[in-house]
Each structure stands twice: as structure tokens, then as C-alpha cells.
Amino acid sequence: MRKSFIVLAGLAFLAGPVFMASSASADCEGMREFTGKIQKFKKSGKKAGFVLDNNQGDKVKFQRAEKVAVVDTRAGEKKAESWDDLKNGLWVGACWKFTDNPRLAYEVTIHEEPQDSASDD
């Protein structure tokens, strides 16, 4: 009995930081994230949204959620603060729930465009 308790305590001690670190470092806590370049952006209307292209052959369509948080992490540029500041060509990450049908963008994080994809234009 004592030996199994020691083994379980050791496993909990080793596995605990792994679970804490993964949940604390997630930008889209409880959601999934897809990152790519905005294409076919539609600012308003019932089907407002965009298509993200990750330059690896994946294109994913997102529609605007009722409330969308926009976070701009770019340095030295005018910061985007709302959905209306988004535009085609921005490199963004969209947070969405796996159960959404259609996919809804709840948080959009604007990133610096990766160096290798900047030369593709």
C-alpha cells in the first residue's frame, strides 16, 4: 500500500507542472487556434468573416462571433483595436471552439508575418 502511494505521489509530482504549464501558456484557453493570412475578408453583414491561409495548403473559413476580441502584437505599427481594423493580408491567429458550426472567431491576434512567407508575395 505504501509503495503504491509513493509511486502515485511521484507521478503526480512529475506530471503536475506539465498540466499547469500547458493551460497557463495557452492564448486561446479552452479553444483551438488557427494561424494564417487573412483572405476574402468581409467586414459586416450576416456572413461577416474571413478565410485564413497558412501557406501550407490549409485554408479555413471563420465567421464573426457576436463579440470578438482583437489583440495586436505587432511592434511599431498602428495597433488594430477592433474587427473594423482587420484587412486582407494580415497574419493572424483565430481562436474558435471545436463545437462551432460554422467556425466563429472569438479572438483574433494579429502577429508579425513570418519571414519565410513574406517572400512568397
Foldseek 3Di string as FASTA:
>chain_A
DVVVVVVVVVVCVVCVVVVVVVQVPDPQRQWDKDKAFWDPADQDDPFGWTWGDRVPPDIATAGEDPAEAEAEPDPPDPTDGDSVPDDGGFIWMFTFHPPDVVTYGRYIYTDDDDPVVVVVD
